[in-house]
Amino acid sequence: LVYWSQRNSRLYSNATSEALKKQS
């Protein structure tokens, strides 16, 4: 799940990407 959640997060940019990183 760690690999897949991080990979999925890369598909987004800007505000969404920042929020995803903030929420691990």
mmCIF file of all heavy atoms, coordinates in Angstrom:
data_MODEL
# 
_entry.id   MODEL 
# 
loop_
_atom_site.group_PDB 
_atom_site.id 
_atom_site.type_symbol 
_atom_site.label_atom_id 
_atom_site.label_alt_id 
_atom_site.label_comp_id 
_atom_site.label_asym_id 
_atom_site.label_entity_id 
_atom_site.label_seq_id 
_atom_site.pdbx_PDB_ins_code 
_atom_site.Cartn_x 
_atom_site.Cartn_y 
_atom_site.Cartn_z 
_atom_site.occupancy 
_atom_site.B_iso_or_equiv 
_atom_site.pdbx_formal_charge 
_atom_site.auth_seq_id 
_atom_site.auth_comp_id 
_atom_site.auth_asym_id 
_atom_site.auth_atom_id 
_atom_site.pdbx_PDB_model_num 
ATOM 1   N N   . LEU A 1 1  ? 0.811  -1.215 0.000   1.00 0.00 ? 1  LEU A N   1 
ATOM 2   C CA  . LEU A 1 1  ? 0.000  0.000  0.000   1.00 0.00 ? 1  LEU A CA  1 
ATOM 3   C C   . LEU A 1 1  ? 0.848  1.270  0.000   1.00 0.00 ? 1  LEU A C   1 
ATOM 4   O O   . LEU A 1 1  ? 0.436  2.292  -0.553  1.00 0.00 ? 1  LEU A O   1 
ATOM 5   C CB  . LEU A 1 1  ? -0.937 0.000  1.207   1.00 0.00 ? 1  LEU A CB  1 
ATOM 6   C CG  . LEU A 1 1  ? -2.062 -1.045 1.180   1.00 0.00 ? 1  LEU A CG  1 
ATOM 7   C CD1 . LEU A 1 1  ? -2.891 -0.946 2.446   1.00 0.00 ? 1  LEU A CD1 1 
ATOM 8   C CD2 . LEU A 1 1  ? -2.954 -0.867 -0.044  1.00 0.00 ? 1  LEU A CD2 1 
ATOM 9   N N   . VAL A 1 2  ? 2.018  1.219  0.621   1.00 0.00 ? 2  VAL A N   1 
ATOM 10  C CA  . VAL A 1 2  ? 2.892  2.395  0.646   1.00 0.00 ? 2  VAL A CA  1 
ATOM 11  C C   . VAL A 1 2  ? 3.317  2.754  -0.774  1.00 0.00 ? 2  VAL A C   1 
ATOM 12  O O   . VAL A 1 2  ? 3.233  3.915  -1.200  1.00 0.00 ? 2  VAL A O   1 
ATOM 13  C CB  . VAL A 1 2  ? 4.128  2.152  1.532   1.00 0.00 ? 2  VAL A CB  1 
ATOM 14  C CG1 . VAL A 1 2  ? 5.101  3.318  1.410   1.00 0.00 ? 2  VAL A CG1 1 
ATOM 15  C CG2 . VAL A 1 2  ? 3.714  1.960  2.984   1.00 0.00 ? 2  VAL A CG2 1 
ATOM 16  N N   . TYR A 1 3  ? 3.765  1.749  -1.540  1.00 0.00 ? 3  TYR A N   1 
ATOM 17  C CA  . TYR A 1 3  ? 4.189  1.986  -2.918  1.00 0.00 ? 3  TYR A CA  1 
ATOM 18  C C   . TYR A 1 3  ? 3.040  2.550  -3.746  1.00 0.00 ? 3  TYR A C   1 
ATOM 19  O O   . TYR A 1 3  ? 3.203  3.554  -4.456  1.00 0.00 ? 3  TYR A O   1 
ATOM 20  C CB  . TYR A 1 3  ? 4.687  0.680  -3.559  1.00 0.00 ? 3  TYR A CB  1 
ATOM 21  C CG  . TYR A 1 3  ? 4.918  0.791  -5.051  1.00 0.00 ? 3  TYR A CG  1 
ATOM 22  C CD1 . TYR A 1 3  ? 6.104  1.318  -5.558  1.00 0.00 ? 3  TYR A CD1 1 
ATOM 23  C CD2 . TYR A 1 3  ? 3.934  0.396  -5.964  1.00 0.00 ? 3  TYR A CD2 1 
ATOM 24  C CE1 . TYR A 1 3  ? 6.299  1.455  -6.922  1.00 0.00 ? 3  TYR A CE1 1 
ATOM 25  C CE2 . TYR A 1 3  ? 4.127  0.518  -7.330  1.00 0.00 ? 3  TYR A CE2 1 
ATOM 26  C CZ  . TYR A 1 3  ? 5.310  1.045  -7.809  1.00 0.00 ? 3  TYR A CZ  1 
ATOM 27  O OH  . TYR A 1 3  ? 5.490  1.181  -9.169  1.00 0.00 ? 3  TYR A OH  1 
ATOM 28  N N   . TRP A 1 4  ? 1.850  1.941  -3.635  1.00 0.00 ? 4  TRP A N   1 
ATOM 29  C CA  . TRP A 1 4  ? 0.742  2.318  -4.504  1.00 0.00 ? 4  TRP A CA  1 
ATOM 30  C C   . TRP A 1 4  ? 0.152  3.669  -4.135  1.00 0.00 ? 4  TRP A C   1 
ATOM 31  O O   . TRP A 1 4  ? -0.258 4.433  -5.012  1.00 0.00 ? 4  TRP A O   1 
ATOM 32  C CB  . TRP A 1 4  ? -0.322 1.222  -4.500  1.00 0.00 ? 4  TRP A CB  1 
ATOM 33  C CG  . TRP A 1 4  ? 0.128  0.061  -5.307  1.00 0.00 ? 4  TRP A CG  1 
ATOM 34  C CD1 . TRP A 1 4  ? 0.565  -1.149 -4.854  1.00 0.00 ? 4  TRP A CD1 1 
ATOM 35  C CD2 . TRP A 1 4  ? 0.252  0.008  -6.739  1.00 0.00 ? 4  TRP A CD2 1 
ATOM 36  N NE1 . TRP A 1 4  ? 0.952  -1.945 -5.899  1.00 0.00 ? 4  TRP A NE1 1 
ATOM 37  C CE2 . TRP A 1 4  ? 0.774  -1.273 -7.067  1.00 0.00 ? 4  TRP A CE2 1 
ATOM 38  C CE3 . TRP A 1 4  ? -0.024 0.906  -7.764  1.00 0.00 ? 4  TRP A CE3 1 
ATOM 39  C CZ2 . TRP A 1 4  ? 1.015  -1.659 -8.381  1.00 0.00 ? 4  TRP A CZ2 1 
ATOM 40  C CZ3 . TRP A 1 4  ? 0.214  0.518  -9.074  1.00 0.00 ? 4  TRP A CZ3 1 
ATOM 41  C CH2 . TRP A 1 4  ? 0.725  -0.748 -9.372  1.00 0.00 ? 4  TRP A CH2 1 
ATOM 42  N N   . SER A 1 5  ? 0.088  3.978  -2.856  1.00 0.00 ? 5  SER A N   1 
ATOM 43  C CA  . SER A 1 5  ? -0.458 5.278  -2.475  1.00 0.00 ? 5  SER A CA  1 
ATOM 44  C C   . SER A 1 5  ? 0.481  6.402  -2.911  1.00 0.00 ? 5  SER A C   1 
ATOM 45  O O   . SER A 1 5  ? 0.039  7.455  -3.377  1.00 0.00 ? 5  SER A O   1 
ATOM 46  C CB  . SER A 1 5  ? -0.703 5.334  -0.970  1.00 0.00 ? 5  SER A CB  1 
ATOM 47  O OG  . SER A 1 5  ? 0.496  5.139  -0.253  1.00 0.00 ? 5  SER A OG  1 
ATOM 48  N N   . GLN A 1 6  ? 1.790  6.190  -2.787  1.00 0.00 ? 6  GLN A N   1 
ATOM 49  C CA  . GLN A 1 6  ? 2.750  7.214  -3.216  1.00 0.00 ? 6  GLN A CA  1 
ATOM 50  C C   . GLN A 1 6  ? 2.750  7.363  -4.732  1.00 0.00 ? 6  GLN A C   1 
ATOM 51  O O   . GLN A 1 6  ? 2.828  8.481  -5.255  1.00 0.00 ? 6  GLN A O   1 
ATOM 52  C CB  . GLN A 1 6  ? 4.143  6.863  -2.710  1.00 0.00 ? 6  GLN A CB  1 
ATOM 53  C CG  . GLN A 1 6  ? 4.288  7.009  -1.200  1.00 0.00 ? 6  GLN A CG  1 
ATOM 54  C CD  . GLN A 1 6  ? 5.674  6.669  -0.698  1.00 0.00 ? 6  GLN A CD  1 
ATOM 55  O OE1 . GLN A 1 6  ? 6.497  6.138  -1.445  1.00 0.00 ? 6  GLN A OE1 1 
ATOM 56  N NE2 . GLN A 1 6  ? 5.935  6.943  0.565   1.00 0.00 ? 6  GLN A NE2 1 
ATOM 57  N N   . ARG A 1 7  ? 2.653  6.251  -5.447  1.00 0.00 ? 7  ARG A N   1 
ATOM 58  C CA  . ARG A 1 7  ? 2.589  6.314  -6.912  1.00 0.00 ? 7  ARG A CA  1 
ATOM 59  C C   . ARG A 1 7  ? 1.329  7.048  -7.357  1.00 0.00 ? 7  ARG A C   1 
ATOM 60  O O   . ARG A 1 7  ? 1.371  7.914  -8.236  1.00 0.00 ? 7  ARG A O   1 
ATOM 61  C CB  . ARG A 1 7  ? 2.608  4.905  -7.507  1.00 0.00 ? 7  ARG A CB  1 
ATOM 62  C CG  . ARG A 1 7  ? 2.284  4.908  -9.010  1.00 0.00 ? 7  ARG A CG  1 
ATOM 63  C CD  . ARG A 1 7  ? 2.364  3.533  -9.625  1.00 0.00 ? 7  ARG A CD  1 
ATOM 64  N NE  . ARG A 1 7  ? 1.607  3.501  -10.870 1.00 0.00 ? 7  ARG A NE  1 
ATOM 65  C CZ  . ARG A 1 7  ? 2.011  4.051  -12.013 1.00 0.00 ? 7  ARG A CZ  1 
ATOM 66  N NH1 . ARG A 1 7  ? 3.153  4.687  -12.066 1.00 0.00 ? 7  ARG A NH1 1 
ATOM 67  N NH2 . ARG A 1 7  ? 1.268  3.974  -13.097 1.00 0.00 ? 7  ARG A NH2 1 
ATOM 68  N N   . ASN A 1 8  ? 0.201  6.732  -6.725  1.00 0.00 ? 8  ASN A N   1 
ATOM 69  C CA  . ASN A 1 8  ? -1.055 7.381  -7.085  1.00 0.00 ? 8  ASN A CA  1 
ATOM 70  C C   . ASN A 1 8  ? -0.983 8.885  -6.826  1.00 0.00 ? 8  ASN A C   1 
ATOM 71  O O   . ASN A 1 8  ? -1.512 9.690  -7.592  1.00 0.00 ? 8  ASN A O   1 
ATOM 72  C CB  . ASN A 1 8  ? -2.210 6.779  -6.281  1.00 0.00 ? 8  ASN A CB  1 
ATOM 73  C CG  . ASN A 1 8  ? -3.561 7.297  -6.726  1.00 0.00 ? 8  ASN A CG  1 
ATOM 74  O OD1 . ASN A 1 8  ? -3.849 7.330  -7.917  1.00 0.00 ? 8  ASN A OD1 1 
ATOM 75  N ND2 . ASN A 1 8  ? -4.374 7.726  -5.790  1.00 0.00 ? 8  ASN A ND2 1 
ATOM 76  N N   . SER A 1 9  ? -0.282 9.254  -5.767  1.00 0.00 ? 9  SER A N   1 
ATOM 77  C CA  . SER A 1 9  ? -0.157 10.674 -5.426  1.00 0.00 ? 9  SER A CA  1 
ATOM 78  C C   . SER A 1 9  ? 0.612  11.444 -6.489  1.00 0.00 ? 9  SER A C   1 
ATOM 79  O O   . SER A 1 9  ? 0.372  12.633 -6.709  1.00 0.00 ? 9  SER A O   1 
ATOM 80  C CB  . SER A 1 9  ? 0.542  10.824 -4.075  1.00 0.00 ? 9  SER A CB  1 
ATOM 81  O OG  . SER A 1 9  ? -0.222 10.212 -3.051  1.00 0.00 ? 9  SER A OG  1 
ATOM 82  N N   . ARG A 1 10 ? 1.538  10.766 -7.180  1.00 0.00 ? 10 ARG A N   1 
ATOM 83  C CA  . ARG A 1 10 ? 2.323  11.440 -8.217  1.00 0.00 ? 10 ARG A CA  1 
ATOM 84  C C   . ARG A 1 10 ? 1.480  11.828 -9.431  1.00 0.00 ? 10 ARG A C   1 
ATOM 85  O O   . ARG A 1 10 ? 1.897  12.636 -10.255 1.00 0.00 ? 10 ARG A O   1 
ATOM 86  C CB  . ARG A 1 10 ? 3.467  10.532 -8.691  1.00 0.00 ? 10 ARG A CB  1 
ATOM 87  C CG  . ARG A 1 10 ? 4.546  10.280 -7.631  1.00 0.00 ? 10 ARG A CG  1 
ATOM 88  C CD  . ARG A 1 10 ? 5.772  9.652  -8.287  1.00 0.00 ? 10 ARG A CD  1 
ATOM 89  N NE  . ARG A 1 10 ? 6.673  9.107  -7.309  1.00 0.00 ? 10 ARG A NE  1 
ATOM 90  C CZ  . ARG A 1 10 ? 6.789  7.814  -7.033  1.00 0.00 ? 10 ARG A CZ  1 
ATOM 91  N NH1 . ARG A 1 10 ? 6.045  6.938  -7.689  1.00 0.00 ? 10 ARG A NH1 1 
ATOM 92  N NH2 . ARG A 1 10 ? 7.640  7.387  -6.135  1.00 0.00 ? 10 ARG A NH2 1 
ATOM 93  N N   . LEU A 1 11 ? 0.303  11.223 -9.554  1.00 0.00 ? 11 LEU A N   1 
ATOM 94  C CA  . LEU A 1 11 ? -0.552 11.513 -10.695 1.00 0.00 ? 11 LEU A CA  1 
ATOM 95  C C   . LEU A 1 11 ? -1.247 12.864 -10.552 1.00 0.00 ? 11 LEU A C   1 
ATOM 96  O O   . LEU A 1 11 ? -1.898 13.331 -11.480 1.00 0.00 ? 11 LEU A O   1 
ATOM 97  C CB  . LEU A 1 11 ? -1.605 10.411 -10.873 1.00 0.00 ? 11 LEU A CB  1 
ATOM 98  C CG  . LEU A 1 11 ? -1.071 8.982  -11.050 1.00 0.00 ? 11 LEU A CG  1 
ATOM 99  C CD1 . LEU A 1 11 ? -2.226 8.009  -11.216 1.00 0.00 ? 11 LEU A CD1 1 
ATOM 100 C CD2 . LEU A 1 11 ? -0.134 8.895  -12.256 1.00 0.00 ? 11 LEU A CD2 1 
ATOM 101 N N   . TYR A 1 12 ? -1.130 13.466 -9.381  1.00 0.00 ? 12 TYR A N   1 
ATOM 102 C CA  . TYR A 1 12 ? -1.774 14.748 -9.133  1.00 0.00 ? 12 TYR A CA  1 
ATOM 103 C C   . TYR A 1 12 ? -0.714 15.838 -8.998  1.00 0.00 ? 12 TYR A C   1 
ATOM 104 O O   . TYR A 1 12 ? 0.454  15.560 -8.741  1.00 0.00 ? 12 TYR A O   1 
ATOM 105 C CB  . TYR A 1 12 ? -2.636 14.676 -7.866  1.00 0.00 ? 12 TYR A CB  1 
ATOM 106 C CG  . TYR A 1 12 ? -3.787 13.709 -8.010  1.00 0.00 ? 12 TYR A CG  1 
ATOM 107 C CD1 . TYR A 1 12 ? -3.635 12.362 -7.688  1.00 0.00 ? 12 TYR A CD1 1 
ATOM 108 C CD2 . TYR A 1 12 ? -5.018 14.130 -8.491  1.00 0.00 ? 12 TYR A CD2 1 
ATOM 109 C CE1 . TYR A 1 12 ? -4.682 11.462 -7.842  1.00 0.00 ? 12 TYR A CE1 1 
ATOM 110 C CE2 . TYR A 1 12 ? -6.068 13.243 -8.646  1.00 0.00 ? 12 TYR A CE2 1 
ATOM 111 C CZ  . TYR A 1 12 ? -5.897 11.913 -8.322  1.00 0.00 ? 12 TYR A CZ  1 
ATOM 112 O OH  . TYR A 1 12 ? -6.931 11.031 -8.488  1.00 0.00 ? 12 TYR A OH  1 
ATOM 113 N N   . SER A 1 13 ? -1.161 17.074 -9.158  1.00 0.00 ? 13 SER A N   1 
ATOM 114 C CA  . SER A 1 13 ? -0.199 18.178 -9.107  1.00 0.00 ? 13 SER A CA  1 
ATOM 115 C C   . SER A 1 13 ? -0.743 19.328 -8.272  1.00 0.00 ? 13 SER A C   1 
ATOM 116 O O   . SER A 1 13 ? -1.886 19.310 -7.812  1.00 0.00 ? 13 SER A O   1 
ATOM 117 C CB  . SER A 1 13 ? 0.105  18.668 -10.530 1.00 0.00 ? 13 SER A CB  1 
ATOM 118 O OG  . SER A 1 13 ? -1.089 19.087 -11.174 1.00 0.00 ? 13 SER A OG  1 
ATOM 119 N N   . ASN A 1 14 ? 0.106  20.336 -8.081  1.00 0.00 ? 14 ASN A N   1 
ATOM 120 C CA  . ASN A 1 14 ? -0.259 21.580 -7.413  1.00 0.00 ? 14 ASN A CA  1 
ATOM 121 C C   . ASN A 1 14 ? -0.885 21.352 -6.037  1.00 0.00 ? 14 ASN A C   1 
ATOM 122 O O   . ASN A 1 14 ? -0.348 20.634 -5.225  1.00 0.00 ? 14 ASN A O   1 
ATOM 123 C CB  . ASN A 1 14 ? -1.186 22.399 -8.329  1.00 0.00 ? 14 ASN A CB  1 
ATOM 124 C CG  . ASN A 1 14 ? -0.486 22.762 -9.614  1.00 0.00 ? 14 ASN A CG  1 
ATOM 125 O OD1 . ASN A 1 14 ? 0.728  22.800 -9.699  1.00 0.00 ? 14 ASN A OD1 1 
ATOM 126 N ND2 . ASN A 1 14 ? -1.264 23.021 -10.656 1.00 0.00 ? 14 ASN A ND2 1 
ATOM 127 N N   . ALA A 1 15 ? -2.063 21.952 -5.783  1.00 0.00 ? 15 ALA A N   1 
ATOM 128 C CA  . ALA A 1 15 ? -2.668 21.927 -4.450  1.00 0.00 ? 15 ALA A CA  1 
ATOM 129 C C   . ALA A 1 15 ? -2.968 20.507 -3.982  1.00 0.00 ? 15 ALA A C   1 
ATOM 130 O O   . ALA A 1 15 ? -2.778 20.165 -2.809  1.00 0.00 ? 15 ALA A O   1 
ATOM 131 C CB  . ALA A 1 15 ? -3.948 22.767 -4.449  1.00 0.00 ? 15 ALA A CB  1 
ATOM 132 N N   . THR A 1 16 ? -3.452 19.657 -4.901  1.00 0.00 ? 16 THR A N   1 
ATOM 133 C CA  . THR A 1 16 ? -3.776 18.280 -4.527  1.00 0.00 ? 16 THR A CA  1 
ATOM 134 C C   . THR A 1 16 ? -2.519 17.530 -4.121  1.00 0.00 ? 16 THR A C   1 
ATOM 135 O O   . THR A 1 16 ? -2.499 16.811 -3.117  1.00 0.00 ? 16 THR A O   1 
ATOM 136 C CB  . THR A 1 16 ? -4.467 17.549 -5.698  1.00 0.00 ? 16 THR A CB  1 
ATOM 137 O OG1 . THR A 1 16 ? -5.584 18.309 -6.150  1.00 0.00 ? 16 THR A OG1 1 
ATOM 138 C CG2 . THR A 1 16 ? -4.930 16.163 -5.264  1.00 0.00 ? 16 THR A CG2 1 
ATOM 139 N N   . SER A 1 17 ? -1.447 17.703 -4.887  1.00 0.00 ? 17 SER A N   1 
ATOM 140 C CA  . SER A 1 17 ? -0.184 17.038 -4.579  1.00 0.00 ? 17 SER A CA  1 
ATOM 141 C C   . SER A 1 17 ? 0.353  17.472 -3.221  1.00 0.00 ? 17 SER A C   1 
ATOM 142 O O   . SER A 1 17 ? 0.812  16.646 -2.423  1.00 0.00 ? 17 SER A O   1 
ATOM 143 C CB  . SER A 1 17 ? 0.835  17.348 -5.679  1.00 0.00 ? 17 SER A CB  1 
ATOM 144 O OG  . SER A 1 17 ? 2.079  16.770 -5.395  1.00 0.00 ? 17 SER A OG  1 
ATOM 145 N N   . GLU A 1 18 ? 0.262  18.770 -2.943  1.00 0.00 ? 18 GLU A N   1 
ATOM 146 C CA  . GLU A 1 18 ? 0.754  19.289 -1.661  1.00 0.00 ? 18 GLU A CA  1 
ATOM 147 C C   . GLU A 1 18 ? -0.052 18.739 -0.492  1.00 0.00 ? 18 GLU A C   1 
ATOM 148 O O   . GLU A 1 18 ? 0.501  18.395 0.561   1.00 0.00 ? 18 GLU A O   1 
ATOM 149 C CB  . GLU A 1 18 ? 0.700  20.819 -1.675  1.00 0.00 ? 18 GLU A CB  1 
ATOM 150 C CG  . GLU A 1 18 ? 1.728  21.447 -2.620  1.00 0.00 ? 18 GLU A CG  1 
ATOM 151 C CD  . GLU A 1 18 ? 1.603  22.964 -2.664  1.00 0.00 ? 18 GLU A CD  1 
ATOM 152 O OE1 . GLU A 1 18 ? 0.869  23.512 -1.831  1.00 0.00 ? 18 GLU A OE1 1 
ATOM 153 O OE2 . GLU A 1 18 ? 2.242  23.576 -3.544  1.00 0.00 ? 18 GLU A OE2 1 
ATOM 154 N N   . ALA A 1 19 ? -1.369 18.657 -0.673  1.00 0.00 ? 19 ALA A N   1 
ATOM 155 C CA  . ALA A 1 19 ? -2.224 18.120 0.391   1.00 0.00 ? 19 ALA A CA  1 
ATOM 156 C C   . ALA A 1 19 ? -1.921 16.650 0.645   1.00 0.00 ? 19 ALA A C   1 
ATOM 157 O O   . ALA A 1 19 ? -1.905 16.187 1.792   1.00 0.00 ? 19 ALA A O   1 
ATOM 158 C CB  . ALA A 1 19 ? -3.692 18.312 0.019   1.00 0.00 ? 19 ALA A CB  1 
ATOM 159 N N   . LEU A 1 20 ? -1.661 15.895 -0.425  1.00 0.00 ? 20 LEU A N   1 
ATOM 160 C CA  . LEU A 1 20 ? -1.350 14.472 -0.287  1.00 0.00 ? 20 LEU A CA  1 
ATOM 161 C C   . LEU A 1 20 ? -0.056 14.259 0.486   1.00 0.00 ? 20 LEU A C   1 
ATOM 162 O O   . LEU A 1 20 ? 0.032  13.384 1.356   1.00 0.00 ? 20 LEU A O   1 
ATOM 163 C CB  . LEU A 1 20 ? -1.257 13.820 -1.673  1.00 0.00 ? 20 LEU A CB  1 
ATOM 164 C CG  . LEU A 1 20 ? -2.589 13.634 -2.416  1.00 0.00 ? 20 LEU A CG  1 
ATOM 165 C CD1 . LEU A 1 20 ? -2.329 13.278 -3.868  1.00 0.00 ? 20 LEU A CD1 1 
ATOM 166 C CD2 . LEU A 1 20 ? -3.416 12.551 -1.752  1.00 0.00 ? 20 LEU A CD2 1 
ATOM 167 N N   . LYS A 1 21 ? 0.957  15.067 0.172   1.00 0.00 ? 21 LYS A N   1 
ATOM 168 C CA  . LYS A 1 21 ? 2.231  14.944 0.883   1.00 0.00 ? 21 LYS A CA  1 
ATOM 169 C C   . LYS A 1 21 ? 2.059  15.295 2.359   1.00 0.00 ? 21 LYS A C   1 
ATOM 170 O O   . LYS A 1 21 ? 2.596  14.630 3.236   1.00 0.00 ? 21 LYS A O   1 
ATOM 171 C CB  . LYS A 1 21 ? 3.271  15.861 0.233   1.00 0.00 ? 21 LYS A CB  1 
ATOM 172 C CG  . LYS A 1 21 ? 3.723  15.409 -1.146  1.00 0.00 ? 21 LYS A CG  1 
ATOM 173 C CD  . LYS A 1 21 ? 4.660  16.430 -1.779  1.00 0.00 ? 21 LYS A CD  1 
ATOM 174 C CE  . LYS A 1 21 ? 5.038  16.019 -3.200  1.00 0.00 ? 21 LYS A CE  1 
ATOM 175 N NZ  . LYS A 1 21 ? 5.872  17.061 -3.866  1.00 0.00 ? 21 LYS A NZ  1 
ATOM 176 N N   . LYS A 1 22 ? 1.295  16.329 2.621   1.00 0.00 ? 22 LYS A N   1 
ATOM 177 C CA  . LYS A 1 22 ? 1.043  16.763 3.999   1.00 0.00 ? 22 LYS A CA  1 
ATOM 178 C C   . LYS A 1 22 ? 0.336  15.678 4.801   1.00 0.00 ? 22 LYS A C   1 
ATOM 179 O O   . LYS A 1 22 ? 0.588  15.498 5.991   1.00 0.00 ? 22 LYS A O   1 
ATOM 180 C CB  . LYS A 1 22 ? 0.194  18.039 3.960   1.00 0.00 ? 22 LYS A CB  1 
ATOM 181 C CG  . LYS A 1 22 ? -0.159 18.602 5.326   1.00 0.00 ? 22 LYS A CG  1 
ATOM 182 C CD  . LYS A 1 22 ? -1.028 19.829 5.168   1.00 0.00 ? 22 LYS A CD  1 
ATOM 183 C CE  . LYS A 1 22 ? -1.535 20.339 6.512   1.00 0.00 ? 22 LYS A CE  1 
ATOM 184 N NZ  . LYS A 1 22 ? -2.451 21.496 6.342   1.00 0.00 ? 22 LYS A NZ  1 
ATOM 185 N N   . GLN A 1 23 ? -0.542 14.909 4.130   1.00 0.00 ? 23 GLN A N   1 
ATOM 186 C CA  . GLN A 1 23 ? -1.323 13.865 4.806   1.00 0.00 ? 23 GLN A CA  1 
ATOM 187 C C   . GLN A 1 23 ? -0.674 12.485 4.701   1.00 0.00 ? 23 GLN A C   1 
ATOM 188 O O   . GLN A 1 23 ? -1.315 11.468 4.973   1.00 0.00 ? 23 GLN A O   1 
ATOM 189 C CB  . GLN A 1 23 ? -2.736 13.806 4.196   1.00 0.00 ? 23 GLN A CB  1 
ATOM 190 C CG  . GLN A 1 23 ? -3.533 15.081 4.391   1.00 0.00 ? 23 GLN A CG  1 
ATOM 191 C CD  . GLN A 1 23 ? -4.774 15.168 3.531   1.00 0.00 ? 23 GLN A CD  1 
ATOM 192 O OE1 . GLN A 1 23 ? -5.267 16.250 3.239   1.00 0.00 ? 23 GLN A OE1 1 
ATOM 193 N NE2 . GLN A 1 23 ? -5.295 14.021 3.104   1.00 0.00 ? 23 GLN A NE2 1 
ATOM 194 N N   . SER A 1 24 ? 0.577  12.440 4.262   1.00 0.00 ? 24 SER A N   1 
ATOM 195 C CA  . SER A 1 24 ? 1.309  11.164 4.115   1.00 0.00 ? 24 SER A CA  1 
ATOM 196 C C   . SER A 1 24 ? 0.571  10.203 3.193   1.00 0.00 ? 24 SER A C   1 
ATOM 197 O O   . SER A 1 24 ? 0.490  9.001  3.452   1.00 0.00 ? 24 SER A O   1 
ATOM 198 C CB  . SER A 1 24 ? 1.542  10.518 5.485   1.00 0.00 ? 24 SER A CB  1 
ATOM 199 O OG  . SER A 1 24 ? 2.305  11.365 6.305   1.00 0.00 ? 24 SER A OG  1 
# 
